[in-house]
Amino acid sequence: MNEFSLNGGANIGNMTASKPLATLKVTPDMLLVNIGFAGQLYFNADDITLIEPISGLSGSGIRIIHTVKSYPQKVTFFTSTPYSNLVENMKATGFFNKEIMHDQSIWHQVKKFQEQGRLPVKTIAIIIFIVGWNIPFLIQLALHNINSSITYAPISLLFATIFILLTLFSEPFRMLIIKEDRNIKDMHKSLYFLLLIVFILLVFSFLFQHLPPRGH
């Protein structure tokens, strides 16, 4: 077995991804806990000191004890796969086998990702999104109408929709916001899920705005 991949749920620090939005991927040279744009943790075998079984409200799974200072200490992955089977499949990839020759280029690539931190998006992307999401407030501020009862929620939701679509389908935009060498495919699941939620909220916000006032 050269690669093992499993969908489930995960906790990375204060970020949580419910099943099946998280992915655990193990190859002979790398272990990845992936919750899309909200967090991607890459490990070399020598970064991991212990993988222990856990159980909780989210079900059973594993806790990864590691030495990577740029990552949160709390790293858990939840799955319906029994612990013994999960560890057996991980070992079958050769990831923990010190006797085989591992790809040093991947080892250095993982170290580079670790230096970048857990988020696969650049700081500029976070700033752009925060500014865009707050366009309604900025409009009200410019109009000196902070206490207005008018809702601009559709504008924020429309901005979020466009932002996600550009991230998914526009290479120039994606290069602006995603860190170097990150794979957009590793974020597809979380981005499409977020797009669905935002689109539903956008539709409802337009519907609510056009509902007749009560009593009419």
Protein backbone atom coordinates (compact mmCIF):
# COMPACT_ATOMS: atom_id res chain seq x y z
CA MET A 1 0.00 0.00 0.00
CA ASN A 2 1.52 3.33 -1.08
CA GLU A 3 -1.20 5.66 0.14
CA PHE A 4 -4.01 5.56 2.67
CA SER A 5 -6.81 8.13 2.79
CA LEU A 6 -9.86 8.32 5.03
CA ASN A 7 -12.69 10.82 5.49
CA GLY A 8 -13.92 11.77 8.94
CA GLY A 9 -14.02 14.68 11.36
CA ALA A 10 -11.16 16.59 12.97
CA ASN A 11 -10.19 19.12 15.59
CA ILE A 12 -7.20 21.34 14.92
CA GLY A 13 -6.74 23.71 17.81
CA ASN A 14 -10.00 25.67 18.01
CA MET A 15 -11.11 24.69 14.51
CA THR A 16 -13.52 21.79 14.03
CA ALA A 17 -14.59 19.95 10.90
CA SER A 18 -17.53 17.57 11.21
CA LYS A 19 -17.65 14.24 9.41
CA PRO A 20 -16.95 13.82 6.52
CA LEU A 21 -15.34 17.24 5.89
CA ALA A 22 -11.91 16.25 7.21
CA THR A 23 -9.43 13.92 5.56
CA LEU A 24 -6.54 11.90 6.93
CA LYS A 25 -3.99 11.09 4.24
CA VAL A 26 -0.87 8.98 4.78
CA THR A 27 1.81 8.20 2.20
CA PRO A 28 5.25 6.64 2.68
CA ASP A 29 6.69 10.15 3.17
CA MET A 30 3.96 12.31 4.67
CA LEU A 31 0.93 12.42 6.95
CA LEU A 32 -1.71 15.08 6.33
CA VAL A 33 -4.69 16.09 8.47
CA ASN A 34 -6.78 18.25 6.17
CA ILE A 35 -9.84 20.38 6.93
CA GLY A 36 -9.52 22.45 3.79
CA PHE A 37 -9.10 26.21 3.90
CA ALA A 38 -9.49 26.16 7.70
CA GLY A 39 -6.38 24.08 8.32
CA GLN A 40 -3.89 21.66 6.80
CA LEU A 41 -1.31 19.95 8.99
CA TYR A 42 1.61 18.18 7.30
CA PHE A 43 3.86 15.82 9.25
CA ASN A 44 7.06 13.91 8.63
CA ALA A 45 7.42 10.67 10.57
CA ASP A 46 9.96 12.22 12.93
CA ASP A 47 7.48 14.98 13.85
CA ILE A 48 5.11 12.50 15.49
CA THR A 49 5.89 11.13 18.94
CA LEU A 50 2.65 9.23 19.56
CA ILE A 51 -0.67 8.34 17.99
CA GLU A 52 -3.17 7.35 20.67
CA PRO A 53 -6.82 6.26 20.58
CA ILE A 54 -9.50 8.63 21.85
CA SER A 55 -13.27 8.65 22.17
CA GLY A 56 -15.76 11.43 22.74
CA LEU A 57 -19.00 13.01 21.59
CA SER A 58 -17.75 12.98 18.00
CA GLY A 59 -17.03 9.26 18.16
CA SER A 60 -13.77 7.33 18.27
CA GLY A 61 -10.54 8.30 16.63
CA ILE A 62 -6.91 9.24 17.19
CA ARG A 63 -4.93 12.02 18.82
CA ILE A 64 -1.66 12.96 17.16
CA ILE A 65 1.06 14.01 19.60
CA HIS A 66 3.68 15.98 17.69
CA THR A 67 6.65 18.33 18.00
CA VAL A 68 5.79 20.93 15.33
CA LYS A 69 5.81 24.29 17.14
CA SER A 70 3.85 26.14 14.43
CA TYR A 71 0.88 23.77 14.82
CA PRO A 72 -1.71 23.62 17.63
CA GLN A 73 -1.10 20.90 20.18
CA LYS A 74 -4.69 19.69 19.85
CA VAL A 75 -4.84 17.53 16.73
CA THR A 76 -7.52 14.83 16.62
CA PHE A 77 -9.17 12.87 13.84
CA PHE A 78 -12.49 11.05 14.26
CA THR A 79 -13.67 8.13 12.18
CA SER A 80 -15.84 5.03 12.38
CA THR A 81 -12.80 2.88 11.49
CA PRO A 82 -11.53 0.95 14.56
CA TYR A 83 -8.25 2.23 16.00
CA SER A 84 -6.36 -1.01 15.33
CA ASN A 85 -7.42 -1.06 11.66
CA LEU A 86 -6.59 2.61 11.24
CA VAL A 87 -3.07 2.24 12.65
CA GLU A 88 -2.51 -0.94 10.64
CA ASN A 89 -3.42 0.85 7.41
CA MET A 90 -1.17 3.78 8.31
CA LYS A 91 1.77 1.47 8.99
CA ALA A 92 1.14 -0.40 5.73
CA THR A 93 2.08 2.73 3.78
CA GLY A 94 5.60 2.55 5.20
CA PHE A 95 5.30 6.00 6.78
CA PHE A 96 6.67 4.81 10.13
CA ASN A 97 9.23 2.44 8.64
CA LYS A 98 12.71 3.86 9.32
CA GLU A 99 14.40 1.12 7.33
CA ILE A 100 13.13 2.23 3.93
CA MET A 101 14.48 5.16 1.91
CA HIS A 102 12.14 8.14 2.15
CA ASP A 103 11.87 10.95 -0.39
CA GLN A 104 13.95 13.83 0.98
CA SER A 105 12.33 16.36 -1.35
CA ILE A 106 8.96 15.64 0.25
CA TRP A 107 10.56 15.87 3.71
CA HIS A 108 11.76 19.40 2.92
CA GLN A 109 8.42 20.28 1.32
CA VAL A 110 6.63 19.27 4.53
CA LYS A 111 9.03 21.43 6.57
CA LYS A 112 8.21 24.35 4.27
CA PHE A 113 4.48 23.85 4.80
CA GLN A 114 5.03 23.69 8.56
CA GLU A 115 6.83 27.02 8.49
CA GLN A 116 3.85 28.52 6.67
CA GLY A 117 1.53 27.51 9.53
CA ARG A 118 -1.72 25.58 9.45
CA LEU A 119 -3.73 27.93 7.21
CA PRO A 120 -3.30 27.37 3.46
CA VAL A 121 -4.44 30.93 2.64
CA LYS A 122 -2.36 34.10 2.78
CA THR A 123 -2.93 36.92 5.25
CA ILE A 124 -4.00 39.17 2.38
CA ALA A 125 -6.86 36.75 1.62
CA ILE A 126 -8.16 37.04 5.18
CA ILE A 127 -7.97 40.85 4.99
CA ILE A 128 -9.78 40.96 1.63
CA PHE A 129 -12.53 38.70 2.92
CA ILE A 130 -13.03 40.65 6.16
CA VAL A 131 -13.20 43.97 4.27
CA GLY A 132 -15.57 42.54 1.67
CA TRP A 133 -17.81 40.91 4.27
CA ASN A 134 -18.10 44.26 6.08
CA ILE A 135 -19.06 46.25 2.97
CA PRO A 136 -22.60 46.78 4.37
CA PHE A 137 -21.19 48.39 7.52
CA LEU A 138 -18.84 50.54 5.43
CA ILE A 139 -21.77 51.65 3.25
CA GLN A 140 -23.80 52.62 6.30
CA LEU A 141 -20.77 54.43 7.72
CA ALA A 142 -20.25 56.37 4.49
CA LEU A 143 -23.95 57.31 4.42
CA HIS A 144 -23.86 58.30 8.10
CA ASN A 145 -26.68 55.85 8.58
CA ILE A 146 -25.28 53.38 11.14
CA ASN A 147 -28.61 52.97 12.92
CA SER A 148 -30.56 52.30 9.74
CA SER A 149 -32.97 49.38 9.82
CA ILE A 150 -32.10 48.55 6.19
CA THR A 151 -30.28 45.24 5.90
CA TYR A 152 -27.38 44.81 3.52
CA ALA A 153 -26.88 41.12 4.31
CA PRO A 154 -27.31 40.02 0.66
CA ILE A 155 -24.32 42.17 -0.28
CA SER A 156 -22.06 40.38 2.19
CA LEU A 157 -23.35 36.98 1.12
CA LEU A 158 -22.99 37.84 -2.56
CA PHE A 159 -19.40 38.93 -1.94
CA ALA A 160 -18.68 35.64 -0.12
CA THR A 161 -20.18 33.67 -3.01
CA ILE A 162 -18.05 35.48 -5.59
CA PHE A 163 -14.94 35.11 -3.40
CA ILE A 164 -15.39 31.34 -3.13
CA LEU A 165 -16.16 30.92 -6.85
CA LEU A 166 -13.06 32.90 -7.81
CA THR A 167 -10.98 30.79 -5.45
CA LEU A 168 -12.29 27.61 -7.04
CA PHE A 169 -12.15 28.58 -10.70
CA SER A 170 -9.84 31.58 -11.23
CA GLU A 171 -6.14 30.71 -11.29
CA PRO A 172 -4.89 34.35 -11.02
CA PHE A 173 -7.16 35.02 -8.02
CA ARG A 174 -6.18 31.72 -6.43
CA MET A 175 -2.49 32.60 -6.74
CA LEU A 176 -3.21 35.84 -4.91
CA ILE A 177 -4.79 34.24 -1.86
CA ILE A 178 -3.41 30.70 -1.52
CA LYS A 179 0.07 30.03 -0.18
CA GLU A 180 2.79 28.72 -2.45
CA ASP A 181 2.59 25.06 -3.53
CA ARG A 182 -0.77 24.45 -1.83
CA ASN A 183 -3.18 22.28 -3.80
CA ILE A 184 -6.66 23.67 -4.36
CA LYS A 185 -7.95 20.08 -4.60
CA ASP A 186 -7.20 19.69 -0.88
CA MET A 187 -9.72 22.50 -0.24
CA HIS A 188 -12.47 21.50 -2.65
CA LYS A 189 -14.60 19.69 -0.09
CA SER A 190 -14.67 22.53 2.43
CA LEU A 191 -15.06 25.24 -0.22
CA TYR A 192 -18.00 23.55 -1.96
CA PHE A 193 -19.67 22.95 1.40
CA LEU A 194 -19.20 26.62 2.36
CA LEU A 195 -20.44 27.71 -1.07
CA LEU A 196 -23.62 25.69 -0.58
CA ILE A 197 -24.26 27.23 2.85
CA VAL A 198 -23.58 30.78 1.65
CA PHE A 199 -25.75 30.32 -1.45
CA ILE A 200 -28.69 29.04 0.63
CA LEU A 201 -28.36 32.00 2.99
CA LEU A 202 -28.15 34.36 0.02
CA VAL A 203 -31.37 32.99 -1.49
CA PHE A 204 -33.21 33.26 1.84
CA SER A 205 -31.91 36.80 2.42
CA PHE A 206 -33.34 37.93 -0.94
CA LEU A 207 -36.65 36.18 -0.21
CA PHE A 208 -36.99 37.75 3.23
CA GLN A 209 -36.28 41.21 1.84
CA HIS A 210 -39.14 40.88 -0.64
CA LEU A 211 -41.70 39.52 1.78
CA PRO A 212 -44.67 41.90 2.26
CA PRO A 213 -44.80 43.64 5.66
CA ARG A 214 -46.97 42.05 8.32
CA GLY A 215 -50.55 43.15 8.26
CA HIS A 216 -50.57 43.64 4.47
